[in-house]
Protein backbone atom coordinates (compact mmCIF):
# COMPACT_ATOMS: atom_id res chain seq x y z
CA MET A 1 25.84 7.38 6.36
CA GLU A 2 24.07 5.35 9.08
CA MET A 3 21.93 3.71 6.14
CA LEU A 4 24.89 2.92 4.16
CA LEU A 5 26.61 0.88 7.03
CA ILE A 6 23.03 -0.66 7.41
CA ASP A 7 22.97 -1.79 3.78
CA ALA A 8 26.49 -3.01 3.77
CA GLN A 9 25.58 -5.17 6.97
CA ALA A 10 22.04 -6.38 5.25
CA THR A 11 24.08 -7.94 2.18
CA ARG A 12 25.98 -10.38 4.75
CA ILE A 13 22.70 -11.72 6.41
CA LYS A 14 21.40 -15.19 5.86
CA LEU A 15 19.22 -15.64 9.01
CA ILE A 16 16.57 -13.22 10.22
CA LEU A 17 15.37 -14.08 13.84
CA PHE A 18 12.26 -12.41 15.47
CA ASP A 19 10.87 -12.22 18.83
CA VAL A 20 7.22 -12.64 18.84
CA ASP A 21 5.15 -10.97 21.26
CA GLY A 22 5.53 -7.14 20.77
CA VAL A 23 7.68 -7.65 17.49
CA LEU A 24 5.30 -9.96 15.42
CA THR A 25 2.21 -9.07 17.41
CA ASP A 26 0.93 -5.70 19.17
CA GLY A 27 2.14 -7.28 22.46
CA LYS A 28 -1.49 -8.15 23.79
CA ILE A 29 -2.78 -11.42 24.51
CA LEU A 30 -6.32 -12.43 24.33
CA LEU A 31 -7.13 -15.12 27.11
CA HIS A 32 -10.44 -17.15 26.54
CA PRO A 33 -12.68 -18.37 29.17
CA ASP A 34 -11.53 -21.88 27.85
CA GLY A 35 -7.94 -21.22 28.61
CA THR A 36 -6.86 -20.57 25.06
CA GLU A 37 -5.25 -17.61 23.83
CA SER A 38 -5.43 -15.38 20.81
CA LYS A 39 -2.81 -12.78 19.25
CA GLN A 40 -2.87 -10.72 16.10
CA PHE A 41 -0.25 -10.82 13.57
CA ASP A 42 0.10 -8.18 10.69
CA ILE A 43 -0.52 -9.49 7.11
CA LYS A 44 2.04 -7.38 5.85
CA ASP A 45 4.70 -8.77 8.17
CA GLY A 46 3.76 -12.53 6.86
CA THR A 47 4.13 -11.30 3.53
CA GLY A 48 7.62 -9.72 4.21
CA ILE A 49 8.64 -12.97 5.92
CA VAL A 50 7.48 -15.03 2.92
CA LEU A 51 9.49 -13.03 0.56
CA ALA A 52 12.41 -13.12 2.46
CA GLN A 53 12.58 -16.89 2.45
CA ARG A 54 11.88 -16.82 -1.16
CA ALA A 55 15.04 -14.58 -1.36
CA GLY A 56 16.91 -17.45 0.05
CA LEU A 57 17.13 -16.03 3.64
CA ILE A 58 16.38 -18.42 6.76
CA VAL A 59 13.84 -16.93 9.23
CA GLY A 60 12.91 -18.02 12.53
CA PHE A 61 10.77 -17.27 15.67
CA LEU A 62 12.57 -17.17 19.15
CA SER A 63 10.19 -16.51 22.00
CA ALA A 64 10.36 -16.74 25.79
CA ARG A 65 6.70 -17.88 25.94
CA THR A 66 5.08 -20.96 24.55
CA SER A 67 2.09 -20.20 22.59
CA PRO A 68 -0.04 -22.40 20.06
CA PRO A 69 -1.07 -19.21 17.98
CA THR A 70 2.76 -18.69 17.35
CA ALA A 71 3.13 -22.26 16.38
CA GLN A 72 0.05 -21.82 13.94
CA ARG A 73 1.33 -18.62 12.39
CA ALA A 74 4.78 -20.18 12.09
CA ALA A 75 3.50 -23.22 10.08
CA GLN A 76 1.29 -20.79 7.96
CA LEU A 77 4.40 -19.02 7.00
CA GLY A 78 6.78 -22.04 6.66
CA VAL A 79 8.67 -20.95 9.43
CA THR A 80 10.40 -24.15 10.73
CA LEU A 81 12.93 -22.48 12.88
CA LEU A 82 10.69 -21.95 16.02
CA HIS A 83 11.93 -21.85 19.47
CA GLN A 84 9.13 -21.14 22.10
CA GLY A 85 9.51 -21.40 25.94
CA VAL A 86 13.07 -20.43 25.82
CA HIS A 87 14.77 -19.39 29.18
CA SER A 88 17.93 -17.89 27.82
CA LYS A 89 17.52 -16.37 24.44
CA LEU A 90 21.29 -16.02 23.90
CA GLU A 91 21.91 -19.49 24.73
CA THR A 92 19.15 -20.71 22.00
CA TYR A 93 20.78 -17.84 19.62
CA GLU A 94 24.17 -19.58 19.99
CA GLN A 95 22.74 -22.82 19.63
CA ILE A 96 21.06 -21.84 16.36
CA VAL A 97 24.04 -20.18 14.94
CA ASP A 98 26.31 -23.13 15.73
CA GLU A 99 23.70 -25.70 14.15
CA LEU A 100 23.60 -23.34 10.91
CA LEU A 101 27.47 -23.07 10.68
CA LEU A 102 26.70 -19.16 10.75
CA GLU A 103 28.63 -16.12 12.18
CA ASP A 104 27.10 -13.36 14.24
CA ASP A 105 27.48 -10.81 11.35
CA GLN A 106 25.16 -13.26 9.37
CA VAL A 107 22.27 -12.82 11.74
CA ALA A 108 19.65 -10.08 11.92
CA TYR A 109 17.38 -9.88 15.17
CA MET A 110 14.45 -7.96 16.11
CA GLY A 111 13.60 -7.72 19.70
CA ASP A 112 11.39 -5.29 21.83
CA ASP A 113 12.41 -5.84 25.43
CA VAL A 114 15.36 -6.14 27.86
CA VAL A 115 15.09 -9.96 27.59
CA ASP A 116 16.11 -9.27 24.21
CA LEU A 117 19.11 -7.27 24.78
CA PRO A 118 21.81 -9.91 24.83
CA VAL A 119 20.82 -11.34 21.18
CA LEU A 120 20.53 -7.71 20.05
CA HIS A 121 24.16 -7.08 21.24
CA ARG A 122 25.32 -10.19 19.57
CA ALA A 123 23.37 -10.16 15.91
CA GLY A 124 25.10 -8.64 13.23
CA LEU A 125 22.24 -6.36 12.59
CA SER A 126 19.58 -5.72 15.23
CA ALA A 127 16.39 -3.94 15.24
CA ALA A 128 13.62 -2.77 17.58
CA PRO A 129 9.89 -2.14 16.70
CA GLY A 130 9.11 1.67 16.28
CA ASP A 131 6.97 1.81 19.60
CA GLN A 132 9.58 0.04 21.81
CA SER A 133 10.97 3.25 23.28
CA SER A 134 7.81 4.04 25.33
CA ARG A 135 7.98 0.50 27.30
CA THR A 136 11.75 -0.08 27.12
CA PRO A 137 14.07 2.98 26.65
CA VAL A 138 17.17 1.25 26.85
CA LEU A 139 16.60 -0.42 23.33
CA ALA A 140 16.35 2.81 21.76
CA LEU A 141 20.08 3.20 22.66
CA GLU A 142 20.87 -0.32 22.07
CA SER A 143 19.60 -1.46 18.88
CA ARG A 144 20.52 -0.26 15.36
CA ARG A 145 16.78 0.42 14.05
CA ILE A 146 15.58 -0.42 10.66
CA SER A 147 12.10 0.75 10.81
CA SER A 148 10.48 3.61 12.89
CA ALA A 149 6.88 2.08 11.93
CA GLN A 150 4.35 1.48 14.64
CA CYS A 151 4.72 -2.05 16.09
CA ALA A 152 2.69 -4.85 14.28
CA ALA A 153 2.03 -2.33 11.40
CA GLY A 154 4.08 -3.99 8.95
CA GLN A 155 7.53 -3.04 9.96
CA ARG A 156 8.95 -6.70 9.83
CA ARG A 157 8.24 -6.46 6.36
CA SER A 158 10.26 -3.51 6.07
CA ALA A 159 13.25 -4.94 7.86
CA SER A 160 12.84 -8.25 5.63
CA ARG A 161 12.77 -5.76 2.64
CA ALA A 162 15.95 -4.00 3.55
CA LEU A 163 17.64 -7.39 3.76
CA THR A 164 16.46 -8.70 0.60
């Protein structure tokens, strides 16, 4: 029954927003001696994002951190809706929804931490990575999960596929 509700909600989605660290990555940041940083992104997630865009969905990244690797990955995937260094994810979410003339039930959001909760509550369809419950138990109760796969193991592709 729950999957039927998720399927019905998914048909209304026009915009998919992703938190980055811990959702599109494994949550680890490698700091280099020269001050630069590295992250690992899963290729399957990238494929899912591209396929979602080809299906007509708008895809965006919403991150509290500013990171050059995030901007680089967004550019590789053709994601132009990129908000980094966000102090209030909910305020930025509201701005995005207003600018795109969308309603909450037309937005899907995937986040993995307590700072994502306000957006997870507002979005029409919300999801959390499968491994998030070990770090933030409240998300297991608060989000309507699409994927139970391990974080950064292609689950964003799973979510994107469910929405297309």
